[in-house]
Amino acid sequence: MHKEIFINESMGESRIAIQEDNQLVEVYIEKQDNHRMVGNVYKGKVENVLPGMQAAFVDVGYELNAFLPFSEIGSDEYLIEENEGKRNRNNKNGKYDNIEVDLKKDQEIYVQVIKEPFAGKGPRVTTEVALPGRLLVLVPNASYIGISKKIWDKFERRRLKKIAQKLRTNNIGVIIRTVAEGKSEEHIENDYKQLIDNWNKIEQRANSDNAPVLVYEDLETASSVVRDLLTPDVEKIIIDSKKLFKKTQKYLEDISPSLLDRLELYKLKAPLFESFGIESEIEKLMRPKAWLKSGAYLIIEKTEAMVVVDVNSGRFVGKKMHEDNSLKINLEAAREVARQLRLRDLSGLIVIDFIDMKFEENRKKVYHELRKELRKDRAKVAVAPITEFGLLEMTRQRIRVSLLDSMSEECPACHGSGRIISQETLITRIDHWLRRYKSKHRSLRLELQLHPHNAEYLSGEKKHILRGLMWQNFVHLKIKSNLDVAQDEFLFIRTKDGVNVTEEMNLDKDNPA
């Protein structure tokens, strides 16, 4: 697989794009004044313990308290009460549906952020602190050695385990990452020593400062991508920032000198993402429609409760039977859905409406194709088989906010609905407002301020409606264009004193006597 990483730094944000076989598969965006929290370690103070919710809230110095589910403190035995009779297993994975914890208000504990704050919710945290390095992950207060499942060779696994056993001290767990495969003992030892130094600095700061306090800040997005994703299968990493290039160069000299020749500083005047066709691809991700090569397309809608993906045949004209055509489109759609979920960083409950197929065998083919493509995704996923209605339900782990939320804000006109009221409905609302107003006031002259588009509409082709409004309510209306008025709003100004009376009547409507 041909894999490349592109990193662009601008005045407003840092952007990272990952391509596989010249196809964009992942995009990360970090605003310059809004650094990510995932990976940060805090010495926090417990604010509330709610056994009914099986969770606690921890003050970490953020505007909203962090959310700590009891299931995220399962490995910290000193925080779990040793009362086995009160632990009720509810599934085969050994999860508990009623965990008794030894947490008290104002208690100080270490927590690490595992999910960014989003939509009025604070960050989600865990007490299972893990410090990632290039080759290893250090897990303080643990006693195990883990090895990446992607390292298949049993002799290599044995060698790496022996190295970890030699390095590891009491109460320090170690996870060996995939990139450690084939690395010398010296390189692994250097990475371990650096992680131990980081942990010692965390403890020193925690001992000297009162909670809540940030005791360890993870790398910014660009550096963390280099640390986590610059594997031997990456052929190039192209950076357009000299500062970040030198920083990455120094990092690789210490950790993986063999990868230095893959690092490249972009020097052309044309923007990096435009030169490689990435900018236009990112712009497409803001649209709900995603076209497939066959002429079919996906409609991707993100709602508060779930993400909905609809598969449509579009311009596809098949030459086979309907069932065969449906299978062909659905297989292509399954591959593209997996890619779009990674690209847009969509998470939570996801429902995919595939084109109906009669045969169970074909539904299984599409299901397995989707699962195969999702193996490329670093986020955890769970997928259910396609139902007889052609629906597939799945979940995808949320770590950061979606690309749409990172790159856009709610529209002040439509407030996120994507639609505004029609001109006819606006006229109806004006009519109702006038009736309420005239039932309480005797003013004979009013100025109606509208967006220029609506002002032209009402005073032009709908002039007869304007006359009808005046006759019906016995009032003279003067239409005025105002760019500050939204397309789905209107303002009424009393002519004799210039007072805005619009809000007055709206309040009367919302609070009837």
Protein backbone atom coordinates (compact mmCIF):
# COMPACT_ATOMS: atom_id res chain seq x y z
CA MET A 1 0.00 0.00 0.00
CA HIS A 2 1.33 3.45 -1.02
CA LYS A 3 0.90 5.66 2.07
CA GLU A 4 1.76 9.36 2.49
CA ILE A 5 1.25 11.96 5.24
CA PHE A 6 0.88 15.70 4.50
CA ILE A 7 1.09 18.35 7.23
CA ASN A 8 0.04 21.94 6.59
CA GLU A 9 0.41 24.76 9.13
CA SER A 10 -1.33 28.11 8.63
CA MET A 11 -2.19 31.14 10.76
CA GLY A 12 -5.59 29.70 11.68
CA GLU A 13 -5.08 25.95 12.06
CA SER A 14 -2.87 22.91 11.56
CA ARG A 15 -4.13 20.24 9.15
CA ILE A 16 -2.92 16.70 8.60
CA ALA A 17 -4.01 14.57 5.65
CA ILE A 18 -3.25 10.88 5.12
CA GLN A 19 -3.44 9.25 1.70
CA GLU A 20 -3.46 5.54 0.91
CA ASP A 21 -2.86 4.62 -2.74
CA ASN A 22 -3.34 8.32 -3.66
CA GLN A 23 -6.77 8.37 -2.01
CA LEU A 24 -7.52 10.61 0.97
CA VAL A 25 -8.51 8.48 3.98
CA GLU A 26 -7.99 10.61 7.12
CA VAL A 27 -7.97 14.34 7.95
CA TYR A 28 -7.07 15.93 11.29
CA ILE A 29 -7.63 19.62 12.06
CA GLU A 30 -6.44 21.54 15.11
CA LYS A 31 -7.19 25.23 15.60
CA GLN A 32 -4.21 27.29 16.75
CA ASP A 33 -6.06 28.71 19.77
CA ASN A 34 -7.92 25.52 20.69
CA HIS A 35 -5.53 22.65 21.36
CA ARG A 36 -6.87 19.15 21.83
CA MET A 37 -7.27 17.62 25.30
CA VAL A 38 -7.14 13.89 24.49
CA GLY A 39 -4.06 12.35 26.12
CA ASN A 40 -3.63 15.12 28.70
CA VAL A 41 -3.18 14.00 32.32
CA TYR A 42 -4.68 16.05 35.17
CA LYS A 43 -4.52 15.95 38.91
CA GLY A 44 -8.23 16.43 39.43
CA LYS A 45 -10.61 16.90 42.34
CA VAL A 46 -13.76 14.78 42.66
CA GLU A 47 -16.84 17.02 42.61
CA ASN A 48 -19.71 14.49 42.67
CA VAL A 49 -20.03 10.72 43.01
CA LEU A 50 -23.30 9.39 41.55
CA PRO A 51 -23.73 5.61 42.06
CA GLY A 52 -27.09 5.77 40.26
CA MET A 53 -25.31 6.95 37.10
CA GLN A 54 -22.31 4.68 37.80
CA ALA A 55 -20.13 7.74 37.28
CA ALA A 56 -18.33 10.60 38.99
CA PHE A 57 -17.63 14.18 37.93
CA VAL A 58 -14.09 15.48 38.34
CA ASP A 59 -12.89 19.09 38.30
CA VAL A 60 -9.84 19.26 36.01
CA GLY A 61 -9.77 23.04 35.61
CA TYR A 62 -11.90 23.03 32.45
CA GLU A 63 -15.13 25.07 32.30
CA LEU A 64 -17.13 21.83 32.54
CA ASN A 65 -16.41 18.98 34.94
CA ALA A 66 -14.93 15.83 33.41
CA PHE A 67 -17.10 12.70 33.24
CA LEU A 68 -15.56 9.60 34.87
CA PRO A 69 -17.59 6.37 34.39
CA PHE A 70 -16.95 3.78 37.10
CA SER A 71 -16.02 1.31 34.33
CA GLU A 72 -12.99 3.52 33.59
CA ILE A 73 -11.52 3.00 37.08
CA GLY A 74 -11.76 -0.78 37.05
CA SER A 75 -8.01 -1.42 37.09
CA ASP A 76 -7.32 0.96 39.98
CA GLU A 77 -8.02 -1.50 42.76
CA TYR A 78 -7.41 1.09 45.48
CA LEU A 79 -10.46 2.96 44.16
CA ILE A 80 -12.67 -0.15 43.98
CA GLU A 81 -14.30 -1.48 47.13
CA GLU A 82 -13.45 -5.12 47.77
CA ASN A 83 -17.01 -6.32 48.13
CA GLU A 84 -17.45 -9.03 45.52
CA GLY A 85 -21.05 -9.61 46.59
CA LYS A 86 -22.04 -6.20 45.28
CA ARG A 87 -20.49 -6.69 41.86
CA ASN A 88 -23.01 -7.94 39.35
CA ARG A 89 -21.61 -9.26 36.09
CA ASN A 90 -23.91 -8.52 33.19
CA ASN A 91 -22.00 -9.99 30.24
CA LYS A 92 -19.28 -12.36 29.17
CA ASN A 93 -16.65 -9.63 29.05
CA GLY A 94 -16.62 -9.29 32.82
CA LYS A 95 -18.11 -5.78 32.85
CA TYR A 96 -20.01 -4.76 35.97
CA ASP A 97 -23.41 -3.14 36.02
CA ASN A 98 -23.07 -2.10 39.67
CA ILE A 99 -19.52 -1.13 40.67
CA GLU A 100 -18.86 0.06 44.22
CA VAL A 101 -16.13 2.71 44.26
CA ASP A 102 -14.15 4.27 47.06
CA LEU A 103 -14.39 7.87 45.82
CA LYS A 104 -15.25 10.86 47.98
CA LYS A 105 -15.97 14.53 47.28
CA ASP A 106 -12.79 16.66 47.11
CA GLN A 107 -10.61 13.55 46.75
CA GLU A 108 -7.61 14.17 44.45
CA ILE A 109 -6.98 11.62 41.68
CA TYR A 110 -5.02 11.31 38.42
CA VAL A 111 -7.21 11.25 35.32
CA GLN A 112 -6.43 11.18 31.59
CA VAL A 113 -8.72 12.57 28.89
CA ILE A 114 -9.97 9.92 26.43
CA LYS A 115 -12.68 11.99 24.66
CA GLU A 116 -12.81 15.67 23.80
CA PRO A 117 -15.55 17.88 25.29
CA PHE A 118 -18.41 18.30 22.86
CA ALA A 119 -21.97 19.66 22.60
CA GLY A 120 -22.14 21.04 26.13
CA LYS A 121 -20.55 17.93 27.69
CA GLY A 122 -17.24 17.95 29.52
CA PRO A 123 -14.30 15.70 28.57
CA ARG A 124 -14.53 11.98 29.30
CA VAL A 125 -11.67 10.69 31.45
CA THR A 126 -10.14 7.51 32.83
CA THR A 127 -7.92 6.78 35.82
CA GLU A 128 -5.99 4.27 33.70
CA VAL A 129 -3.19 6.68 32.75
CA ALA A 130 -1.17 5.61 29.70
CA LEU A 131 1.80 7.58 28.33
CA PRO A 132 2.44 6.82 24.65
CA GLY A 133 5.94 6.83 23.23
CA ARG A 134 7.21 5.98 19.77
CA LEU A 135 7.81 2.27 20.49
CA LEU A 136 6.15 1.70 23.89
CA VAL A 137 3.18 2.80 25.96
CA LEU A 138 3.87 3.21 29.67
CA VAL A 139 1.01 2.24 32.01
CA PRO A 140 1.81 3.39 35.57
CA ASN A 141 0.19 1.51 38.45
CA ALA A 142 -0.16 -1.62 36.29
CA SER A 143 1.82 -4.82 36.33
CA TYR A 144 1.41 -6.36 32.89
CA ILE A 145 3.32 -6.53 29.61
CA GLY A 146 1.25 -6.22 26.46
CA ILE A 147 2.35 -6.77 22.87
CA SER A 148 0.56 -5.43 19.79
CA LYS A 149 -1.61 -8.08 18.12
CA LYS A 150 -0.29 -6.89 14.77
CA ILE A 151 3.11 -8.42 15.57
CA TRP A 152 2.57 -11.96 14.33
CA ASP A 153 6.02 -13.58 14.50
CA LYS A 154 6.20 -15.64 17.70
CA PHE A 155 10.00 -15.36 17.94
CA GLU A 156 9.82 -11.57 17.64
CA ARG A 157 7.09 -11.45 20.28
CA ARG A 158 9.26 -13.56 22.59
CA ARG A 159 12.29 -11.26 22.00
CA LEU A 160 10.28 -8.11 22.69
CA LYS A 161 8.74 -9.58 25.83
CA LYS A 162 12.20 -10.42 27.23
CA ILE A 163 13.38 -6.86 26.58
CA ALA A 164 10.29 -5.45 28.33
CA GLN A 165 10.76 -7.79 31.31
CA LYS A 166 14.34 -6.60 31.67
CA LEU A 167 13.34 -2.92 31.55
CA ARG A 168 10.17 -2.97 33.59
CA THR A 169 10.18 -1.95 37.25
CA ASN A 170 7.54 -2.71 39.89
CA ASN A 171 4.03 -1.30 39.35
CA ILE A 172 4.87 -0.06 35.87
CA GLY A 173 3.07 -1.73 32.97
CA VAL A 174 4.37 -1.70 29.40
CA ILE A 175 2.61 -2.13 26.05
CA ILE A 176 4.85 -2.79 23.06
CA ARG A 177 3.61 -0.99 19.93
CA THR A 178 3.60 -2.39 16.39
CA VAL A 179 6.43 -0.07 15.29
CA ALA A 180 8.75 -1.72 17.85
CA GLU A 181 8.94 -4.81 15.63
CA GLY A 182 12.56 -5.33 14.53
CA LYS A 183 13.88 -2.43 16.63
CA SER A 184 17.08 -2.92 18.64
CA GLU A 185 17.10 -3.27 22.42
CA GLU A 186 18.93 0.07 22.64
CA HIS A 187 16.15 1.95 20.80
CA ILE A 188 13.46 0.34 22.97
CA GLU A 189 15.42 1.14 26.15
CA ASN A 190 15.81 4.80 25.12
CA ASP A 191 12.07 5.09 24.54
CA TYR A 192 11.38 3.48 27.94
CA LYS A 193 13.76 5.84 29.76
CA GLN A 194 12.12 8.87 28.14
CA LEU A 195 8.67 7.67 29.24
CA ILE A 196 9.90 7.03 32.80
CA ASP A 197 11.34 10.57 32.88
CA ASN A 198 7.95 11.92 31.76
CA TRP A 199 6.17 10.00 34.51
CA ASN A 200 8.63 11.24 37.17
CA LYS A 201 8.01 14.84 36.00
CA ILE A 202 4.25 14.24 36.27
CA GLU A 203 4.58 13.05 39.87
CA GLN A 204 6.87 15.96 40.78
CA ARG A 205 4.44 18.51 39.40
CA ALA A 206 1.45 16.79 40.99
CA ASN A 207 3.19 16.86 44.39
CA SER A 208 4.04 20.56 44.10
CA ASP A 209 0.69 21.87 42.76
CA ASN A 210 -2.82 21.71 44.16
CA ALA A 211 -5.67 20.15 42.18
CA PRO A 212 -7.04 20.83 39.67
CA VAL A 213 -3.88 21.10 37.57
CA LEU A 214 -2.61 19.89 34.20
CA VAL A 215 0.39 17.66 34.96
CA TYR A 216 1.10 16.29 31.48
CA GLU A 217 0.18 17.75 28.09
CA ASP A 218 0.21 15.37 25.16
CA LEU A 219 1.78 16.38 21.86
CA GLU A 220 -0.16 18.66 19.54
CA THR A 221 -2.03 16.88 16.74
CA ALA A 222 0.72 17.15 14.10
CA SER A 223 3.43 15.71 16.38
CA SER A 224 1.13 12.99 17.74
CA VAL A 225 0.32 11.88 14.17
CA VAL A 226 4.07 11.59 13.46
CA ARG A 227 4.54 9.61 16.68
CA ASP A 228 1.58 7.27 16.16
CA LEU A 229 1.26 6.92 12.38
CA LEU A 230 4.77 7.21 10.95
CA THR A 231 5.20 3.46 10.50
CA PRO A 232 7.58 1.70 8.06
CA ASP A 233 4.79 1.47 5.46
CA VAL A 234 4.66 5.30 5.17
CA GLU A 235 6.65 6.25 2.09
CA LYS A 236 6.64 10.04 2.57
CA ILE A 237 5.81 12.66 5.16
CA ILE A 238 5.66 16.14 3.60
CA ILE A 239 5.60 19.23 5.87
CA ASP A 240 5.28 22.87 4.80
CA SER A 241 6.48 24.36 8.12
CA LYS A 242 10.25 24.72 8.70
CA LYS A 243 9.77 24.77 12.47
CA LEU A 244 7.74 21.56 12.53
CA PHE A 245 10.07 19.95 9.97
CA LYS A 246 13.13 20.55 12.20
CA LYS A 247 11.22 19.36 15.27
CA THR A 248 10.16 16.16 13.48
CA GLN A 249 13.68 15.66 12.12
CA LYS A 250 15.18 15.82 15.61
CA TYR A 251 12.50 13.47 16.95
CA LEU A 252 13.24 10.87 14.27
CA GLU A 253 17.00 11.16 14.81
CA ASP A 254 16.48 10.03 18.40
CA ILE A 255 13.82 7.38 17.78
CA SER A 256 13.89 6.08 14.18
CA PRO A 257 16.88 7.36 12.13
CA SER A 258 15.96 4.90 9.36
CA LEU A 259 12.82 6.96 8.58
CA LEU A 260 14.65 10.29 8.14
CA ASP A 261 14.93 9.90 4.36
CA ARG A 262 11.11 9.83 4.14
CA LEU A 263 10.80 13.29 5.66
CA GLU A 264 10.42 16.10 3.14
CA LEU A 265 10.12 19.90 3.49
CA TYR A 266 7.65 21.41 1.02
CA LYS A 267 9.16 24.55 -0.55
CA LEU A 268 6.87 25.50 -3.46
CA LYS A 269 4.81 28.73 -3.35
CA ALA A 270 1.52 27.03 -4.18
CA PRO A 271 -0.31 25.78 -1.02
CA LEU A 272 0.64 22.20 -0.13
CA PHE A 273 -2.91 20.79 -0.06
CA GLU A 274 -3.83 22.43 -3.37
CA SER A 275 -0.72 21.03 -5.09
CA PHE A 276 -1.70 17.47 -4.21
CA GLY A 277 -5.46 17.87 -4.81
CA ILE A 278 -6.30 17.52 -1.12
CA GLU A 279 -8.01 20.90 -0.71
CA SER A 280 -10.81 20.06 -3.16
CA GLU A 281 -11.33 16.70 -1.46
CA ILE A 282 -11.72 18.38 1.94
CA GLU A 283 -14.27 20.82 0.50
CA LYS A 284 -16.36 17.85 -0.70
CA LEU A 285 -16.46 16.52 2.88
CA MET A 286 -18.59 19.49 3.91
CA ARG A 287 -21.40 18.32 1.61
CA PRO A 288 -23.91 15.60 2.52
CA LYS A 289 -23.61 13.94 -0.90
CA ALA A 290 -20.64 11.68 -1.75
CA TRP A 291 -20.46 10.33 -5.32
CA LEU A 292 -19.29 6.82 -6.19
CA LYS A 293 -17.38 5.99 -9.37
CA SER A 294 -20.30 3.95 -10.73
CA GLY A 295 -22.61 7.00 -10.68
CA ALA A 296 -24.37 5.98 -7.46
CA TYR A 297 -24.05 8.21 -4.41
CA LEU A 298 -24.31 8.38 -0.62
CA ILE A 299 -26.28 10.90 1.44
CA ILE A 300 -24.63 11.34 4.84
CA GLU A 301 -26.63 13.18 7.50
CA LYS A 302 -25.39 13.77 11.05
CA THR A 303 -28.16 14.20 13.62
CA GLU A 304 -28.10 14.65 17.39
CA ALA A 305 -28.88 10.97 18.00
CA MET A 306 -27.08 9.18 15.16
CA VAL A 307 -25.45 9.33 11.75
CA VAL A 308 -27.64 8.18 8.85
CA VAL A 309 -26.18 7.03 5.52
CA ASP A 310 -28.50 6.47 2.55
CA VAL A 311 -27.26 4.55 -0.52
CA ASN A 312 -28.82 5.68 -3.83
CA SER A 313 -28.40 4.25 -7.33
CA GLY A 314 -28.17 7.77 -8.84
CA ARG A 315 -26.85 7.73 -12.42
CA PHE A 316 -25.88 4.06 -12.29
CA VAL A 317 -27.31 2.11 -15.24
CA GLY A 318 -26.69 -1.60 -14.85
CA LYS A 319 -26.78 -4.22 -17.55
CA LYS A 320 -27.70 -7.11 -15.27
CA MET A 321 -30.70 -8.15 -13.20
CA HIS A 322 -31.91 -5.84 -10.40
CA GLU A 323 -30.43 -8.04 -7.63
CA ASP A 324 -27.00 -8.08 -9.30
CA ASN A 325 -27.07 -4.32 -9.83
CA SER A 326 -28.06 -3.76 -6.20
CA LEU A 327 -25.23 -6.00 -5.01
CA LYS A 328 -22.68 -4.17 -7.16
CA ILE A 329 -23.75 -0.73 -5.87
CA ASN A 330 -23.90 -1.91 -2.25
CA LEU A 331 -20.39 -3.43 -2.37
CA GLU A 332 -18.98 -0.19 -3.75
CA ALA A 333 -20.99 1.79 -1.21
CA ALA A 334 -19.69 -0.36 1.68
CA ARG A 335 -16.10 0.50 0.74
CA GLU A 336 -16.89 4.20 0.42
CA VAL A 337 -18.90 4.32 3.66
CA ALA A 338 -15.91 2.93 5.59
CA ARG A 339 -13.68 5.59 3.99
CA GLN A 340 -16.14 8.43 4.64
CA LEU A 341 -16.53 7.50 8.31
CA ARG A 342 -12.75 7.76 8.76
CA LEU A 343 -12.50 10.94 6.69
CA ARG A 344 -15.35 12.80 8.38
CA ASP A 345 -14.54 11.26 11.79
CA LEU A 346 -18.18 10.32 12.34
CA SER A 347 -18.96 8.37 15.48
CA GLY A 348 -21.66 7.05 17.78
CA LEU A 349 -24.61 5.08 16.40
CA ILE A 350 -24.51 4.83 12.59
CA VAL A 351 -27.34 3.43 10.45
CA ILE A 352 -26.71 2.61 6.78
CA ASP A 353 -29.66 2.13 4.43
CA PHE A 354 -28.39 -0.10 1.62
CA ILE A 355 -30.39 -0.77 -1.54
CA ASP A 356 -32.75 -3.69 -0.90
CA MET A 357 -31.47 -7.18 -1.77
CA LYS A 358 -33.65 -10.28 -1.77
CA PHE A 359 -31.03 -12.91 -1.01
CA GLU A 360 -29.41 -13.41 2.38
CA GLU A 361 -26.20 -14.49 0.66
CA ASN A 362 -25.84 -11.07 -0.99
CA ARG A 363 -26.56 -9.24 2.26
CA LYS A 364 -23.75 -11.24 3.89
CA LYS A 365 -21.34 -10.28 1.08
CA VAL A 366 -21.98 -6.58 1.68
CA TYR A 367 -21.71 -7.03 5.47
CA HIS A 368 -18.33 -8.79 5.18
CA GLU A 369 -17.07 -6.22 2.66
CA LEU A 370 -17.85 -3.40 5.09
CA ARG A 371 -16.16 -5.24 7.97
CA LYS A 372 -13.08 -5.85 5.85
CA GLU A 373 -12.77 -2.15 5.01
CA LEU A 374 -13.37 -1.10 8.62
CA ARG A 375 -10.28 -3.05 9.71
CA LYS A 376 -8.24 -0.14 8.29
CA ASP A 377 -9.90 2.18 10.82
CA ARG A 378 -7.98 2.88 14.03
CA ALA A 379 -11.20 3.70 15.90
CA LYS A 380 -13.05 0.80 17.53
CA VAL A 381 -16.16 -0.31 15.67
CA ALA A 382 -18.97 -2.80 16.25
CA VAL A 383 -21.09 -3.92 13.28
CA ALA A 384 -24.40 -5.80 13.16
CA PRO A 385 -25.57 -7.82 10.11
CA ILE A 386 -27.89 -6.25 7.53
CA THR A 387 -31.56 -6.64 8.40
CA GLU A 388 -34.30 -7.78 5.99
CA PHE A 389 -35.12 -4.09 5.48
CA GLY A 390 -31.63 -3.42 4.12
CA LEU A 391 -30.49 -1.52 7.24
CA LEU A 392 -27.13 -2.03 8.90
CA GLU A 393 -26.45 -0.73 12.40
CA MET A 394 -22.96 -0.07 13.71
CA THR A 395 -21.13 2.04 16.27
CA ARG A 396 -17.82 3.85 15.93
CA GLN A 397 -15.69 5.13 18.78
CA ARG A 398 -15.68 8.89 19.29
CA ILE A 399 -12.39 10.44 20.35
CA ARG A 400 -12.55 13.90 18.80
CA VAL A 401 -15.25 16.07 17.27
CA SER A 402 -16.27 15.33 13.69
CA LEU A 403 -14.65 17.11 10.76
CA LEU A 404 -17.90 18.98 10.07
CA ASP A 405 -17.94 20.39 13.61
CA SER A 406 -14.22 21.26 13.40
CA MET A 407 -14.56 23.16 10.12
CA SER A 408 -17.97 24.82 10.42
CA GLU A 409 -20.29 26.69 12.79
CA GLU A 410 -24.06 26.76 13.14
CA CYS A 411 -25.75 29.03 10.59
CA PRO A 412 -27.32 32.03 12.38
CA ALA A 413 -30.19 32.08 9.85
CA CYS A 414 -31.34 28.46 9.92
CA HIS A 415 -29.87 27.51 13.34
CA GLY A 416 -28.51 24.22 12.06
CA SER A 417 -31.57 22.94 10.22
CA GLY A 418 -30.15 23.75 6.78
CA ARG A 419 -33.44 25.38 5.74
CA ILE A 420 -35.25 28.69 6.25
CA ILE A 421 -38.96 29.44 5.97
CA SER A 422 -40.42 30.20 2.54
CA GLN A 423 -41.43 33.71 1.48
CA GLU A 424 -45.11 32.68 1.58
CA THR A 425 -44.73 31.50 5.21
CA LEU A 426 -42.96 34.77 6.06
CA ILE A 427 -45.93 36.73 4.66
CA THR A 428 -48.30 34.61 6.77
CA ARG A 429 -46.27 35.45 9.90
CA ILE A 430 -46.36 39.17 9.00
CA ASP A 431 -50.13 38.93 8.59
CA HIS A 432 -50.57 37.26 12.00
CA TRP A 433 -48.28 39.81 13.65
CA LEU A 434 -50.29 42.71 12.20
CA ARG A 435 -53.57 41.23 13.45
CA ARG A 436 -52.20 40.88 17.00
CA TYR A 437 -50.76 44.41 16.86
CA LYS A 438 -53.96 46.08 15.61
CA SER A 439 -56.02 44.34 18.27
CA LYS A 440 -54.09 46.33 20.91
CA HIS A 441 -52.81 49.47 19.17
CA ARG A 442 -54.23 52.20 16.95
CA SER A 443 -51.10 53.23 15.04
CA LEU A 444 -51.92 53.97 11.40
CA ARG A 445 -48.40 54.00 9.96
CA LEU A 446 -45.69 51.36 10.24
CA GLU A 447 -42.41 50.73 8.45
CA LEU A 448 -41.79 47.09 7.52
CA GLN A 449 -38.08 46.27 7.23
CA LEU A 450 -37.15 43.11 5.30
CA HIS A 451 -34.12 41.49 3.75
CA PRO A 452 -33.67 43.07 0.25
CA HIS A 453 -34.67 39.81 -1.44
CA ASN A 454 -37.98 39.71 0.46
CA ALA A 455 -38.55 43.47 0.23
CA GLU A 456 -38.34 43.27 -3.58
CA TYR A 457 -40.65 40.23 -3.60
CA LEU A 458 -43.38 41.87 -1.48
CA SER A 459 -43.26 45.29 -3.13
CA GLY A 460 -42.97 43.81 -6.64
CA GLU A 461 -44.80 40.68 -7.80
CA LYS A 462 -46.72 40.38 -4.49
CA LYS A 463 -47.77 44.03 -4.36
CA HIS A 464 -51.42 42.99 -4.32
CA ILE A 465 -50.79 41.03 -1.10
CA LEU A 466 -49.17 44.11 0.46
CA ARG A 467 -52.27 46.16 -0.41
CA GLY A 468 -54.48 43.44 1.07
CA LEU A 469 -52.51 43.52 4.34
CA MET A 470 -52.97 47.29 4.58
CA TRP A 471 -56.73 47.24 3.83
CA GLN A 472 -57.40 44.28 6.11
CA ASN A 473 -55.59 45.82 9.09
CA PHE A 474 -56.33 49.48 8.31
CA VAL A 475 -52.65 50.49 8.42
CA HIS A 476 -50.22 52.10 5.97
CA LEU A 477 -47.08 49.99 5.41
CA LYS A 478 -43.82 51.36 3.99
CA ILE A 479 -41.42 48.62 2.80
CA LYS A 480 -37.71 49.18 3.47
CA SER A 481 -34.73 46.96 2.56
CA ASN A 482 -32.34 46.13 5.41
CA LEU A 483 -29.36 43.80 4.94
CA ASP A 484 -29.14 43.32 8.71
CA VAL A 485 -32.52 41.56 8.75
CA ALA A 486 -32.27 37.80 8.13
CA GLN A 487 -34.21 36.24 5.26
CA ASP A 488 -36.67 34.56 7.61
CA GLU A 489 -37.25 37.62 9.84
CA PHE A 490 -38.94 41.04 9.72
CA LEU A 491 -38.93 44.27 11.72
CA PHE A 492 -41.81 46.69 12.31
CA ILE A 493 -40.90 50.30 13.14
CA ARG A 494 -43.56 52.73 14.38
CA THR A 495 -43.31 55.70 11.98
CA LYS A 496 -44.27 58.51 14.39
CA ASP A 497 -41.45 57.85 16.92
CA GLY A 498 -39.12 55.31 15.23
CA VAL A 499 -39.65 52.66 17.94
CA ASN A 500 -39.10 49.00 17.05
CA VAL A 501 -42.38 47.32 18.06
CA THR A 502 -41.65 43.86 16.65
CA GLU A 503 -40.31 42.28 19.83
CA GLU A 504 -43.10 43.75 21.94
CA MET A 505 -45.76 41.78 20.06
CA ASN A 506 -43.62 38.62 19.91
CA LEU A 507 -43.36 38.71 23.72
CA ASP A 508 -47.15 39.09 23.96
CA LYS A 509 -47.53 36.01 21.76
CA ASP A 510 -45.11 33.91 23.84
CA ASN A 511 -46.58 35.03 27.18
CA PRO A 512 -50.38 35.30 26.74
CA ALA A 513 -52.33 36.78 29.64
